[in-house]
Amino acid sequence: MEINEVTGQIIDAAMKVHSFLGPGLLEGAYEACLRHELIRRGLLVKSQVLLPVEYDGTLVDAGYRLDLLVEDLVIVELKAVEKLAAIHEAQLLTYLKLSRKKVGLLLNFNVVQMKDGIKRMVNNL
């Protein structure tokens, strides 16, 4: 699958999950349900993927975890917050740089309409 196909599937799945659950739950509930929906669609999904920091030629576990990595192409960072902030975007951009991945989706499920909680970000490798 191409990146745009994968991101399209992720967004469609997120909208389905949000339509069913609505806003107001904890991030973990959305993560588990989105993971289930993506796997049901036949996508390869890894959750809570360790993301080490490379420092001085050594990989160091600094506690970073990717919420979801889909098809080894797209990082999905989930939130359930009142409003996405610049720090959330910076977090995803950092994850993209550390992992050397090109595309990430920042999904905030604590919105009335899911379309208002989607931010696609690109790492200019």
PDB file of N, CA and C in Angstrom:
ATOM      1  N   MET A   1       0.833  -1.194   0.000  1.00  0.00           N
ATOM      2  CA  MET A   1       0.000   0.000   0.000  1.00  0.00           C
ATOM      3  C   MET A   1       0.873   1.252   0.000  1.00  0.00           C
ATOM      4  N   GLU A   2       0.378   2.270  -0.653  1.00  0.00           N
ATOM      5  CA  GLU A   2       1.062   3.552  -0.646  1.00  0.00           C
ATOM      6  C   GLU A   2       0.656   4.334   0.604  1.00  0.00           C
ATOM      7  N   ILE A   3       1.487   5.297   0.959  1.00  0.00           N
ATOM      8  CA  ILE A   3       1.248   6.089   2.163  1.00  0.00           C
ATOM      9  C   ILE A   3      -0.131   6.740   2.149  1.00  0.00           C
ATOM     10  N   ASN A   4      -0.534   7.312   1.019  1.00  0.00           N
ATOM     11  CA  ASN A   4      -1.831   7.986   0.961  1.00  0.00           C
ATOM     12  C   ASN A   4      -2.989   7.008   1.158  1.00  0.00           C
ATOM     13  N   GLU A   5      -2.846   5.787   0.659  1.00  0.00           N
ATOM     14  CA  GLU A   5      -3.875   4.766   0.877  1.00  0.00           C
ATOM     15  C   GLU A   5      -3.952   4.408   2.362  1.00  0.00           C
ATOM     16  N   VAL A   6      -2.785   4.266   2.983  1.00  0.00           N
ATOM     17  CA  VAL A   6      -2.739   3.913   4.404  1.00  0.00           C
ATOM     18  C   VAL A   6      -3.347   5.028   5.245  1.00  0.00           C
ATOM     19  N   THR A   7      -2.955   6.273   4.980  1.00  0.00           N
ATOM     20  CA  THR A   7      -3.509   7.380   5.770  1.00  0.00           C
ATOM     21  C   THR A   7      -5.019   7.493   5.548  1.00  0.00           C
ATOM     22  N   GLY A   8      -5.473   7.229   4.337  1.00  0.00           N
ATOM     23  CA  GLY A   8      -6.911   7.254   4.064  1.00  0.00           C
ATOM     24  C   GLY A   8      -7.656   6.203   4.874  1.00  0.00           C
ATOM     25  N   GLN A   9      -7.092   5.002   4.952  1.00  0.00           N
ATOM     26  CA  GLN A   9      -7.698   3.935   5.745  1.00  0.00           C
ATOM     27  C   GLN A   9      -7.707   4.291   7.230  1.00  0.00           C
ATOM     28  N   ILE A  10      -6.619   4.885   7.705  1.00  0.00           N
ATOM     29  CA  ILE A  10      -6.537   5.267   9.124  1.00  0.00           C
ATOM     30  C   ILE A  10      -7.586   6.322   9.448  1.00  0.00           C
ATOM     31  N   ILE A  11      -7.693   7.327   8.605  1.00  0.00           N
ATOM     32  CA  ILE A  11      -8.669   8.400   8.839  1.00  0.00           C
ATOM     33  C   ILE A  11     -10.092   7.851   8.797  1.00  0.00           C
ATOM     34  N   ASP A  12     -10.373   6.996   7.826  1.00  0.00           N
ATOM     35  CA  ASP A  12     -11.702   6.408   7.731  1.00  0.00           C
ATOM     36  C   ASP A  12     -12.016   5.563   8.968  1.00  0.00           C
ATOM     37  N   ALA A  13     -11.024   4.792   9.422  1.00  0.00           N
ATOM     38  CA  ALA A  13     -11.211   3.960  10.618  1.00  0.00           C
ATOM     39  C   ALA A  13     -11.407   4.831  11.856  1.00  0.00           C
ATOM     40  N   ALA A  14     -10.649   5.926  11.960  1.00  0.00           N
ATOM     41  CA  ALA A  14     -10.787   6.834  13.104  1.00  0.00           C
ATOM     42  C   ALA A  14     -12.179   7.453  13.137  1.00  0.00           C
ATOM     43  N   MET A  15     -12.695   7.803  11.977  1.00  0.00           N
ATOM     44  CA  MET A  15     -14.046   8.376  11.909  1.00  0.00           C
ATOM     45  C   MET A  15     -15.083   7.343  12.341  1.00  0.00           C
ATOM     46  N   LYS A  16     -14.890   6.100  11.948  1.00  0.00           N
ATOM     47  CA  LYS A  16     -15.818   5.043  12.346  1.00  0.00           C
ATOM     48  C   LYS A  16     -15.781   4.844  13.867  1.00  0.00           C
ATOM     49  N   VAL A  17     -14.571   4.773  14.428  1.00  0.00           N
ATOM     50  CA  VAL A  17     -14.423   4.600  15.877  1.00  0.00           C
ATOM     51  C   VAL A  17     -15.064   5.772  16.612  1.00  0.00           C
ATOM     52  N   HIS A  18     -14.791   6.983  16.146  1.00  0.00           N
ATOM     53  CA  HIS A  18     -15.338   8.174  16.790  1.00  0.00           C
ATOM     54  C   HIS A  18     -16.860   8.214  16.692  1.00  0.00           C
ATOM     55  N   SER A  19     -17.400   7.831  15.546  1.00  0.00           N
ATOM     56  CA  SER A  19     -18.860   7.803  15.384  1.00  0.00           C
ATOM     57  C   SER A  19     -19.498   6.839  16.374  1.00  0.00           C
ATOM     58  N   PHE A  20     -18.840   5.733  16.624  1.00  0.00           N
ATOM     59  CA  PHE A  20     -19.378   4.727  17.534  1.00  0.00           C
ATOM     60  C   PHE A  20     -19.217   5.129  18.993  1.00  0.00           C
ATOM     61  N   LEU A  21     -18.013   5.595  19.361  1.00  0.00           N
ATOM     62  CA  LEU A  21     -17.718   5.883  20.769  1.00  0.00           C
ATOM     63  C   LEU A  21     -18.048   7.318  21.192  1.00  0.00           C
ATOM     64  N   GLY A  22     -17.907   8.250  20.257  1.00  0.00           N
ATOM     65  CA  GLY A  22     -18.094   9.654  20.597  1.00  0.00           C
ATOM     66  C   GLY A  22     -16.923  10.187  21.406  1.00  0.00           C
ATOM     67  N   PRO A  23     -16.938  11.474  21.746  1.00  0.00           N
ATOM     68  CA  PRO A  23     -15.862  12.064  22.548  1.00  0.00           C
ATOM     69  C   PRO A  23     -16.051  11.731  24.028  1.00  0.00           C
ATOM     70  N   GLY A  24     -15.006  11.975  24.817  1.00  0.00           N
ATOM     71  CA  GLY A  24     -15.133  11.877  26.266  1.00  0.00           C
ATOM     72  C   GLY A  24     -14.460  10.701  26.931  1.00  0.00           C
ATOM     73  N   LEU A  25     -13.914   9.765  26.149  1.00  0.00           N
ATOM     74  CA  LEU A  25     -13.222   8.621  26.742  1.00  0.00           C
ATOM     75  C   LEU A  25     -11.731   8.911  26.884  1.00  0.00           C
ATOM     76  N   LEU A  26     -11.040   8.038  27.559  1.00  0.00           N
ATOM     77  CA  LEU A  26      -9.591   8.155  27.676  1.00  0.00           C
ATOM     78  C   LEU A  26      -8.914   7.709  26.376  1.00  0.00           C
ATOM     79  N   GLU A  27      -7.731   8.240  26.152  1.00  0.00           N
ATOM     80  CA  GLU A  27      -6.969   7.956  24.944  1.00  0.00           C
ATOM     81  C   GLU A  27      -6.810   6.453  24.697  1.00  0.00           C
ATOM     82  N   GLY A  28      -6.565   5.696  25.746  1.00  0.00           N
ATOM     83  CA  GLY A  28      -6.335   4.257  25.611  1.00  0.00           C
ATOM     84  C   GLY A  28      -7.496   3.512  24.984  1.00  0.00           C
ATOM     85  N   ALA A  29      -8.713   3.943  25.263  1.00  0.00           N
ATOM     86  CA  ALA A  29      -9.890   3.300  24.669  1.00  0.00           C
ATOM     87  C   ALA A  29      -9.917   3.513  23.158  1.00  0.00           C
ATOM     88  N   TYR A  30      -9.631   4.732  22.738  1.00  0.00           N
ATOM     89  CA  TYR A  30      -9.607   5.022  21.301  1.00  0.00           C
ATOM     90  C   TYR A  30      -8.482   4.258  20.615  1.00  0.00           C
ATOM     91  N   GLU A  31      -7.332   4.190  21.275  1.00  0.00           N
ATOM     92  CA  GLU A  31      -6.191   3.475  20.702  1.00  0.00           C
ATOM     93  C   GLU A  31      -6.537   1.998  20.483  1.00  0.00           C
ATOM     94  N   ALA A  32      -7.108   1.355  21.486  1.00  0.00           N
ATOM     95  CA  ALA A  32      -7.449  -0.061  21.383  1.00  0.00           C
ATOM     96  C   ALA A  32      -8.488  -0.302  20.291  1.00  0.00           C
ATOM     97  N   CYS A  33      -9.490   0.552  20.227  1.00  0.00           N
ATOM     98  CA  CYS A  33     -10.545   0.372  19.222  1.00  0.00           C
ATOM     99  C   CYS A  33     -10.042   0.680  17.814  1.00  0.00           C
ATOM    100  N   LEU A  34      -9.220   1.712  17.665  1.00  0.00           N
ATOM    101  CA  LEU A  34      -8.659   2.032  16.350  1.00  0.00           C
ATOM    102  C   LEU A  34      -7.737   0.907  15.887  1.00  0.00           C
ATOM    103  N   ARG A  35      -6.938   0.398  16.781  1.00  0.00           N
ATOM    104  CA  ARG A  35      -6.060  -0.735  16.446  1.00  0.00           C
ATOM    105  C   ARG A  35      -6.894  -1.921  15.967  1.00  0.00           C
ATOM    106  N   HIS A  36      -7.949  -2.234  16.696  1.00  0.00           N
ATOM    107  CA  HIS A  36      -8.842  -3.330  16.319  1.00  0.00           C
ATOM    108  C   HIS A  36      -9.432  -3.100  14.921  1.00  0.00           C
ATOM    109  N   GLU A  37      -9.904  -1.894  14.661  1.00  0.00           N
ATOM    110  CA  GLU A  37     -10.530  -1.572  13.373  1.00  0.00           C
ATOM    111  C   GLU A  37      -9.528  -1.668  12.228  1.00  0.00           C
ATOM    112  N   LEU A  38      -8.303  -1.197  12.450  1.00  0.00           N
ATOM    113  CA  LEU A  38      -7.281  -1.263  11.397  1.00  0.00           C
ATOM    114  C   LEU A  38      -6.879  -2.701  11.105  1.00  0.00           C
ATOM    115  N   ILE A  39      -6.726  -3.510  12.136  1.00  0.00           N
ATOM    116  CA  ILE A  39      -6.399  -4.927  11.945  1.00  0.00           C
ATOM    117  C   ILE A  39      -7.544  -5.631  11.218  1.00  0.00           C
ATOM    118  N   ARG A  40      -8.776  -5.296  11.584  1.00  0.00           N
ATOM    119  CA  ARG A  40      -9.947  -5.872  10.925  1.00  0.00           C
ATOM    120  C   ARG A  40      -9.937  -5.569   9.430  1.00  0.00           C
ATOM    121  N   ARG A  41      -9.362  -4.437   9.062  1.00  0.00           N
ATOM    122  CA  ARG A  41      -9.276  -4.040   7.649  1.00  0.00           C
ATOM    123  C   ARG A  41      -8.069  -4.661   6.954  1.00  0.00           C
ATOM    124  N   GLY A  42      -7.303  -5.458   7.672  1.00  0.00           N
ATOM    125  CA  GLY A  42      -6.176  -6.159   7.058  1.00  0.00           C
ATOM    126  C   GLY A  42      -4.859  -5.398   7.087  1.00  0.00           C
ATOM    127  N   LEU A  43      -4.784  -4.342   7.869  1.00  0.00           N
ATOM    128  CA  LEU A  43      -3.555  -3.565   7.951  1.00  0.00           C
ATOM    129  C   LEU A  43      -2.648  -4.115   9.053  1.00  0.00           C
ATOM    130  N   LEU A  44      -1.355  -4.001   8.843  1.00  0.00           N
ATOM    131  CA  LEU A  44      -0.371  -4.382   9.848  1.00  0.00           C
ATOM    132  C   LEU A  44      -0.240  -3.225  10.836  1.00  0.00           C
ATOM    133  N   VAL A  45      -0.531  -3.490  12.104  1.00  0.00           N
ATOM    134  CA  VAL A  45      -0.526  -2.441  13.126  1.00  0.00           C
ATOM    135  C   VAL A  45       0.298  -2.894  14.315  1.00  0.00           C
ATOM    136  N   LYS A  46       1.220  -2.036  14.719  1.00  0.00           N
ATOM    137  CA  LYS A  46       1.975  -2.262  15.951  1.00  0.00           C
ATOM    138  C   LYS A  46       1.590  -1.145  16.911  1.00  0.00           C
ATOM    139  N   SER A  47       1.452  -1.495  18.193  1.00  0.00           N
ATOM    140  CA  SER A  47       1.086  -0.473  19.173  1.00  0.00           C
ATOM    141  C   SER A  47       2.158  -0.348  20.242  1.00  0.00           C
ATOM    142  N   GLN A  48       2.248   0.873  20.781  1.00  0.00           N
ATOM    143  CA  GLN A  48       3.217   1.198  21.833  1.00  0.00           C
ATOM    144  C   GLN A  48       4.632   0.749  21.449  1.00  0.00           C
ATOM    145  N   VAL A  49       5.049   1.177  20.265  1.00  0.00           N
ATOM    146  CA  VAL A  49       6.349   0.809  19.705  1.00  0.00           C
ATOM    147  C   VAL A  49       7.453   1.643  20.356  1.00  0.00           C
ATOM    148  N   LEU A  50       8.434   0.962  20.909  1.00  0.00           N
ATOM    149  CA  LEU A  50       9.582   1.627  21.521  1.00  0.00           C
ATOM    150  C   LEU A  50      10.305   2.472  20.478  1.00  0.00           C
ATOM    151  N   LEU A  51      10.607   3.714  20.837  1.00  0.00           N
ATOM    152  CA  LEU A  51      11.316   4.621  19.934  1.00  0.00           C
ATOM    153  C   LEU A  51      12.535   5.172  20.665  1.00  0.00           C
ATOM    154  N   PRO A  52      13.674   4.513  20.488  1.00  0.00           N
ATOM    155  CA  PRO A  52      14.874   4.986  21.178  1.00  0.00           C
ATOM    156  C   PRO A  52      15.432   6.265  20.552  1.00  0.00           C
ATOM    157  N   VAL A  53      16.233   6.961  21.314  1.00  0.00           N
ATOM    158  CA  VAL A  53      16.940   8.156  20.846  1.00  0.00           C
ATOM    159  C   VAL A  53      18.371   7.739  20.549  1.00  0.00           C
ATOM    160  N   GLU A  54      18.867   8.144  19.381  1.00  0.00           N
ATOM    161  CA  GLU A  54      20.262   7.856  19.059  1.00  0.00           C
ATOM    162  C   GLU A  54      21.123   8.986  19.614  1.00  0.00           C
ATOM    163  N   TYR A  55      22.029   8.606  20.498  1.00  0.00           N
ATOM    164  CA  TYR A  55      22.910   9.586  21.120  1.00  0.00           C
ATOM    165  C   TYR A  55      24.326   9.026  21.159  1.00  0.00           C
ATOM    166  N   ASP A  56      25.254   9.765  20.589  1.00  0.00           N
ATOM    167  CA  ASP A  56      26.671   9.399  20.638  1.00  0.00           C
ATOM    168  C   ASP A  56      26.893   7.977  20.122  1.00  0.00           C
ATOM    169  N   GLY A  57      26.177   7.616  19.047  1.00  0.00           N
ATOM    170  CA  GLY A  57      26.335   6.312  18.439  1.00  0.00           C
ATOM    171  C   GLY A  57      25.644   5.177  19.172  1.00  0.00           C
ATOM    172  N   THR A  58      24.852   5.505  20.176  1.00  0.00           N
ATOM    173  CA  THR A  58      24.164   4.495  20.974  1.00  0.00           C
ATOM    174  C   THR A  58      22.664   4.761  20.967  1.00  0.00           C
ATOM    175  N   LEU A  59      21.882   3.688  20.909  1.00  0.00           N
ATOM    176  CA  LEU A  59      20.440   3.833  21.025  1.00  0.00           C
ATOM    177  C   LEU A  59      20.073   3.813  22.505  1.00  0.00           C
ATOM    178  N   VAL A  60      19.412   4.873  22.945  1.00  0.00           N
ATOM    179  CA  VAL A  60      19.071   5.050  24.344  1.00  0.00           C
ATOM    180  C   VAL A  60      17.550   5.027  24.502  1.00  0.00           C
ATOM    181  N   ASP A  61      17.061   4.205  25.430  1.00  0.00           N
ATOM    182  CA  ASP A  61      15.631   4.188  25.723  1.00  0.00           C
ATOM    183  C   ASP A  61      15.320   5.399  26.595  1.00  0.00           C
ATOM    184  N   ALA A  62      14.630   6.375  25.973  1.00  0.00           N
ATOM    185  CA  ALA A  62      14.273   7.602  26.689  1.00  0.00           C
ATOM    186  C   ALA A  62      12.790   7.604  27.059  1.00  0.00           C
ATOM    187  N   GLY A  63      12.141   6.455  26.909  1.00  0.00           N
ATOM    188  CA  GLY A  63      10.742   6.355  27.300  1.00  0.00           C
ATOM    189  C   GLY A  63       9.746   6.713  26.212  1.00  0.00           C
ATOM    190  N   TYR A  64      10.225   6.988  25.001  1.00  0.00           N
ATOM    191  CA  TYR A  64       9.303   7.333  23.918  1.00  0.00           C
ATOM    192  C   TYR A  64       8.643   6.081  23.366  1.00  0.00           C
ATOM    193  N   ARG A  65       7.341   6.186  23.099  1.00  0.00           N
ATOM    194  CA  ARG A  65       6.564   5.095  22.510  1.00  0.00           C
ATOM    195  C   ARG A  65       5.628   5.679  21.458  1.00  0.00           C
ATOM    196  N   LEU A  66       5.580   5.023  20.307  1.00  0.00           N
ATOM    197  CA  LEU A  66       4.623   5.402  19.278  1.00  0.00           C
ATOM    198  C   LEU A  66       3.287   4.765  19.647  1.00  0.00           C
ATOM    199  N   ASP A  67       2.212   5.525  19.620  1.00  0.00           N
ATOM    200  CA  ASP A  67       0.906   4.936  19.915  1.00  0.00           C
ATOM    201  C   ASP A  67       0.626   3.809  18.931  1.00  0.00           C
ATOM    202  N   LEU A  68       0.669   4.131  17.637  1.00  0.00           N
ATOM    203  CA  LEU A  68       0.467   3.121  16.599  1.00  0.00           C
ATOM    204  C   LEU A  68       1.437   3.361  15.452  1.00  0.00           C
ATOM    205  N   LEU A  69       1.908   2.278  14.861  1.00  0.00           N
ATOM    206  CA  LEU A  69       2.693   2.325  13.630  1.00  0.00           C
ATOM    207  C   LEU A  69       1.959   1.418  12.654  1.00  0.00           C
ATOM    208  N   VAL A  70       1.485   1.991  11.551  1.00  0.00           N
ATOM    209  CA  VAL A  70       0.647   1.263  10.603  1.00  0.00           C
ATOM    210  C   VAL A  70       1.417   0.990   9.319  1.00  0.00           C
ATOM    211  N   GLU A  71       1.453  -0.300   8.955  1.00  0.00           N
ATOM    212  CA  GLU A  71       2.131  -0.755   7.735  1.00  0.00           C
ATOM    213  C   GLU A  71       3.599  -0.317   7.705  1.00  0.00           C
ATOM    214  N   ASP A  72       4.181  -0.092   8.855  1.00  0.00           N
ATOM    215  CA  ASP A  72       5.565   0.372   8.981  1.00  0.00           C
ATOM    216  C   ASP A  72       5.810   1.657   8.184  1.00  0.00           C
ATOM    217  N   LEU A  73       4.728   2.410   7.941  1.00  0.00           N
ATOM    218  CA  LEU A  73       4.813   3.632   7.142  1.00  0.00           C
ATOM    219  C   LEU A  73       4.330   4.871   7.877  1.00  0.00           C
ATOM    220  N   VAL A  74       3.232   4.732   8.617  1.00  0.00           N
ATOM    221  CA  VAL A  74       2.554   5.904   9.183  1.00  0.00           C
ATOM    222  C   VAL A  74       2.503   5.797  10.704  1.00  0.00           C
ATOM    223  N   ILE A  75       2.985   6.850  11.352  1.00  0.00           N
ATOM    224  CA  ILE A  75       2.888   6.958  12.808  1.00  0.00           C
ATOM    225  C   ILE A  75       1.554   7.609  13.140  1.00  0.00           C
ATOM    226  N   VAL A  76       0.842   7.017  14.091  1.00  0.00           N
ATOM    227  CA  VAL A  76      -0.422   7.590  14.540  1.00  0.00           C
ATOM    228  C   VAL A  76      -0.274   7.939  16.014  1.00  0.00           C
ATOM    229  N   GLU A  77      -0.432   9.218  16.319  1.00  0.00           N
ATOM    230  CA  GLU A  77      -0.376   9.709  17.699  1.00  0.00           C
ATOM    231  C   GLU A  77      -1.786  10.116  18.086  1.00  0.00           C
ATOM    232  N   LEU A  78      -2.316   9.460  19.104  1.00  0.00           N
ATOM    233  CA  LEU A  78      -3.694   9.713  19.531  1.00  0.00           C
ATOM    234  C   LEU A  78      -3.733  10.625  20.739  1.00  0.00           C
ATOM    235  N   LYS A  79      -4.758  11.462  20.765  1.00  0.00           N
ATOM    236  CA  LYS A  79      -5.007  12.356  21.894  1.00  0.00           C
ATOM    237  C   LYS A  79      -6.499  12.351  22.205  1.00  0.00           C
ATOM    238  N   ALA A  80      -6.813  12.704  23.426  1.00  0.00           N
ATOM    239  CA  ALA A  80      -8.196  12.925  23.853  1.00  0.00           C
ATOM    240  C   ALA A  80      -8.170  14.165  24.735  1.00  0.00           C
ATOM    241  N   VAL A  81      -7.923  15.307  24.087  1.00  0.00           N
ATOM    242  CA  VAL A  81      -7.731  16.574  24.784  1.00  0.00           C
ATOM    243  C   VAL A  81      -8.730  17.611  24.279  1.00  0.00           C
ATOM    244  N   GLU A  82      -8.894  18.674  25.063  1.00  0.00           N
ATOM    245  CA  GLU A  82      -9.833  19.725  24.685  1.00  0.00           C
ATOM    246  C   GLU A  82      -9.469  20.335  23.337  1.00  0.00           C
ATOM    247  N   LYS A  83      -8.170  20.571  23.140  1.00  0.00           N
ATOM    248  CA  LYS A  83      -7.705  21.185  21.897  1.00  0.00           C
ATOM    249  C   LYS A  83      -6.268  20.769  21.646  1.00  0.00           C
ATOM    250  N   LEU A  84      -5.948  20.446  20.395  1.00  0.00           N
ATOM    251  CA  LEU A  84      -4.558  20.138  20.057  1.00  0.00           C
ATOM    252  C   LEU A  84      -3.716  21.393  20.245  1.00  0.00           C
ATOM    253  N   ALA A  85      -2.525  21.203  20.768  1.00  0.00           N
ATOM    254  CA  ALA A  85      -1.605  22.318  21.017  1.00  0.00           C
ATOM    255  C   ALA A  85      -0.340  22.120  20.183  1.00  0.00           C
ATOM    256  N   ALA A  86       0.444  23.169  20.094  1.00  0.00           N
ATOM    257  CA  ALA A  86       1.696  23.111  19.341  1.00  0.00           C
ATOM    258  C   ALA A  86       2.616  22.011  19.861  1.00  0.00           C
ATOM    259  N   ILE A  87       2.583  21.737  21.161  1.00  0.00           N
ATOM    260  CA  ILE A  87       3.438  20.703  21.729  1.00  0.00           C
ATOM    261  C   ILE A  87       3.064  19.320  21.199  1.00  0.00           C
ATOM    262  N   HIS A  88       1.795  19.099  20.895  1.00  0.00           N
ATOM    263  CA  HIS A  88       1.369  17.820  20.329  1.00  0.00           C
ATOM    264  C   HIS A  88       1.937  17.645  18.922  1.00  0.00           C
ATOM    265  N   GLU A  89       1.925  18.718  18.145  1.00  0.00           N
ATOM    266  CA  GLU A  89       2.500  18.684  16.802  1.00  0.00           C
ATOM    267  C   GLU A  89       4.007  18.477  16.879  1.00  0.00           C
ATOM    268  N   ALA A  90       4.654  19.154  17.816  1.00  0.00           N
ATOM    269  CA  ALA A  90       6.103  19.004  17.992  1.00  0.00           C
ATOM    270  C   ALA A  90       6.447  17.571  18.384  1.00  0.00           C
ATOM    271  N   GLN A  91       5.614  16.961  19.219  1.00  0.00           N
ATOM    272  CA  GLN A  91       5.835  15.578  19.630  1.00  0.00           C
ATOM    273  C   GLN A  91       5.813  14.652  18.414  1.00  0.00           C
ATOM    274  N   LEU A  92       4.794  14.778  17.572  1.00  0.00           N
ATOM    275  CA  LEU A  92       4.698  13.926  16.395  1.00  0.00           C
ATOM    276  C   LEU A  92       5.851  14.183  15.438  1.00  0.00           C
ATOM    277  N   LEU A  93       6.213  15.428  15.238  1.00  0.00           N
ATOM    278  CA  LEU A  93       7.331  15.744  14.354  1.00  0.00           C
ATOM    279  C   LEU A  93       8.628  15.131  14.889  1.00  0.00           C
ATOM    280  N   THR A  94       8.834  15.170  16.184  1.00  0.00           N
ATOM    281  CA  THR A  94      10.012  14.547  16.798  1.00  0.00           C
ATOM    282  C   THR A  94       9.994  13.044  16.547  1.00  0.00           C
ATOM    283  N   TYR A  95       8.842  12.421  16.729  1.00  0.00           N
ATOM    284  CA  TYR A  95       8.724  10.978  16.479  1.00  0.00           C
ATOM    285  C   TYR A  95       9.041  10.651  15.023  1.00  0.00           C
ATOM    286  N   LEU A  96       8.572  11.479  14.103  1.00  0.00           N
ATOM    287  CA  LEU A  96       8.861  11.264  12.686  1.00  0.00           C
ATOM    288  C   LEU A  96      10.361  11.352  12.418  1.00  0.00           C
ATOM    289  N   LYS A  97      11.004  12.337  13.012  1.00  0.00           N
ATOM    290  CA  LYS A  97      12.447  12.501  12.804  1.00  0.00           C
ATOM    291  C   LYS A  97      13.232  11.354  13.422  1.00  0.00           C
ATOM    292  N   LEU A  98      12.908  10.988  14.665  1.00  0.00           N
ATOM    293  CA  LEU A  98      13.638   9.907  15.341  1.00  0.00           C
ATOM    294  C   LEU A  98      13.467   8.569  14.626  1.00  0.00           C
ATOM    295  N   SER A  99      12.297   8.332  14.081  1.00  0.00           N
ATOM    296  CA  SER A  99      12.014   7.053  13.428  1.00  0.00           C
ATOM    297  C   SER A  99      12.350   7.058  11.939  1.00  0.00           C
ATOM    298  N   ARG A 100      12.644   8.241  11.425  1.00  0.00           N
ATOM    299  CA  ARG A 100      12.912   8.421   9.997  1.00  0.00           C
ATOM    300  C   ARG A 100      11.725   7.990   9.131  1.00  0.00           C
ATOM    301  N   LYS A 101      10.530   8.227   9.655  1.00  0.00           N
ATOM    302  CA  LYS A 101       9.305   7.978   8.897  1.00  0.00           C
ATOM    303  C   LYS A 101       8.870   9.276   8.245  1.00  0.00           C
ATOM    304  N   LYS A 102       8.144   9.163   7.154  1.00  0.00           N
ATOM    305  CA  LYS A 102       7.777  10.347   6.382  1.00  0.00           C
ATOM    306  C   LYS A 102       6.457  10.993   6.824  1.00  0.00           C
ATOM    307  N   VAL A 103       5.454  10.176   7.201  1.00  0.00           N
ATOM    308  CA  VAL A 103       4.116  10.723   7.451  1.00  0.00           C
ATOM    309  C   VAL A 103       3.580  10.265   8.802  1.00  0.00           C
ATOM    310  N   GLY A 104       2.905  11.199   9.462  1.00  0.00           N
ATOM    311  CA  GLY A 104       2.251  10.880  10.722  1.00  0.00           C
ATOM    312  C   GLY A 104       0.888  11.537  10.787  1.00  0.00           C
ATOM    313  N   LEU A 105       0.007  10.935  11.567  1.00  0.00           N
ATOM    314  CA  LEU A 105      -1.316  11.498  11.808  1.00  0.00           C
ATOM    315  C   LEU A 105      -1.484  11.763  13.287  1.00  0.00           C
ATOM    316  N   LEU A 106      -1.908  12.964  13.602  1.00  0.00           N
ATOM    317  CA  LEU A 106      -2.231  13.355  14.966  1.00  0.00           C
ATOM    318  C   LEU A 106      -3.755  13.364  15.042  1.00  0.00           C
ATOM    319  N   LEU A 107      -4.312  12.482  15.877  1.00  0.00           N
ATOM    320  CA  LEU A 107      -5.757  12.328  15.959  1.00  0.00           C
ATOM    321  C   LEU A 107      -6.253  12.666  17.353  1.00  0.00           C
ATOM    322  N   ASN A 108      -7.108  13.680  17.433  1.00  0.00           N
ATOM    323  CA  ASN A 108      -7.716  14.058  18.703  1.00  0.00           C
ATOM    324  C   ASN A 108      -9.176  13.611  18.695  1.00  0.00           C
ATOM    325  N   PHE A 109      -9.502  12.663  19.573  1.00  0.00           N
ATOM    326  CA  PHE A 109     -10.851  12.105  19.606  1.00  0.00           C
ATOM    327  C   PHE A 109     -11.812  12.902  20.484  1.00  0.00           C
ATOM    328  N   ASN A 110     -11.324  13.899  21.194  1.00  0.00           N
ATOM    329  CA  ASN A 110     -12.197  14.671  22.076  1.00  0.00           C
ATOM    330  C   ASN A 110     -12.752  15.891  21.337  1.00  0.00           C
ATOM    331  N   VAL A 111     -13.411  15.607  20.215  1.00  0.00           N
ATOM    332  CA  VAL A 111     -14.033  16.645  19.390  1.00  0.00           C
ATOM    333  C   VAL A 111     -15.445  16.195  19.035  1.00  0.00           C
ATOM    334  N   VAL A 112     -16.281  17.145  18.666  1.00  0.00           N
ATOM    335  CA  VAL A 112     -17.654  16.810  18.277  1.00  0.00           C
ATOM    336  C   VAL A 112     -17.652  16.069  16.942  1.00  0.00           C
ATOM    337  N   GLN A 113     -16.873  16.590  15.988  1.00  0.00           N
ATOM    338  CA  GLN A 113     -16.742  15.951  14.674  1.00  0.00           C
ATOM    339  C   GLN A 113     -15.291  15.559  14.465  1.00  0.00           C
ATOM    340  N   MET A 114     -15.059  14.305  14.140  1.00  0.00           N
ATOM    341  CA  MET A 114     -13.693  13.796  14.020  1.00  0.00           C
ATOM    342  C   MET A 114     -12.867  14.571  13.000  1.00  0.00           C
ATOM    343  N   LYS A 115     -13.507  15.061  11.949  1.00  0.00           N
ATOM    344  CA  LYS A 115     -12.752  15.796  10.927  1.00  0.00           C
ATOM    345  C   LYS A 115     -12.003  16.993  11.523  1.00  0.00           C
ATOM    346  N   ASP A 116     -12.495  17.511  12.646  1.00  0.00           N
ATOM    347  CA  ASP A 116     -11.845  18.642  13.306  1.00  0.00           C
ATOM    348  C   ASP A 116     -10.682  18.216  14.202  1.00  0.00           C
ATOM    349  N   GLY A 117     -10.471  16.912  14.347  1.00  0.00           N
ATOM    350  CA  GLY A 117      -9.414  16.410  15.217  1.00  0.00           C
ATOM    351  C   GLY A 117      -8.296  15.715  14.469  1.00  0.00           C
ATOM    352  N   ILE A 118      -8.180  15.967  13.167  1.00  0.00           N
ATOM    353  CA  ILE A 118      -7.184  15.278  12.346  1.00  0.00           C
ATOM    354  C   ILE A 118      -6.134  16.263  11.850  1.00  0.00           C
ATOM    355  N   LYS A 119      -4.882  15.904  12.072  1.00  0.00           N
ATOM    356  CA  LYS A 119      -3.761  16.721  11.568  1.00  0.00           C
ATOM    357  C   LYS A 119      -2.751  15.766  10.931  1.00  0.00           C
ATOM    358  N   ARG A 120      -2.488  15.945   9.644  1.00  0.00           N
ATOM    359  CA  ARG A 120      -1.499  15.134   8.921  1.00  0.00           C
ATOM    360  C   ARG A 120      -0.204  15.909   8.901  1.00  0.00           C
ATOM    361  N   MET A 121       0.902  15.230   9.249  1.00  0.00           N
ATOM    362  CA  MET A 121       2.195  15.899   9.262  1.00  0.00           C
ATOM    363  C   MET A 121       3.192  15.110   8.435  1.00  0.00           C
ATOM    364  N   VAL A 122       4.106  15.847   7.782  1.00  0.00           N
ATOM    365  CA  VAL A 122       5.101  15.229   6.915  1.00  0.00           C
ATOM    366  C   VAL A 122       6.491  15.614   7.388  1.00  0.00           C
ATOM    367  N   ASN A 123       7.352  14.620   7.436  1.00  0.00           N
ATOM    368  CA  ASN A 123       8.752  14.829   7.787  1.00  0.00           C
ATOM    369  C   ASN A 123       9.526  15.005   6.490  1.00  0.00           C
ATOM    370  N   ASN A 124      10.112  16.155   6.284  1.00  0.00           N
ATOM    371  CA  ASN A 124      10.921  16.395   5.099  1.00  0.00           C
ATOM    372  C   ASN A 124      12.307  15.813   5.302  1.00  0.00           C
ATOM    373  N   LEU A 125      12.369  14.491   5.073  1.00  0.00           N
ATOM    374  CA  LEU A 125      13.626  13.772   5.286  1.00  0.00           C
ATOM    375  C   LEU A 125      14.717  14.492   4.587  1.00  0.00           C
TER     376      LEU A 125
END
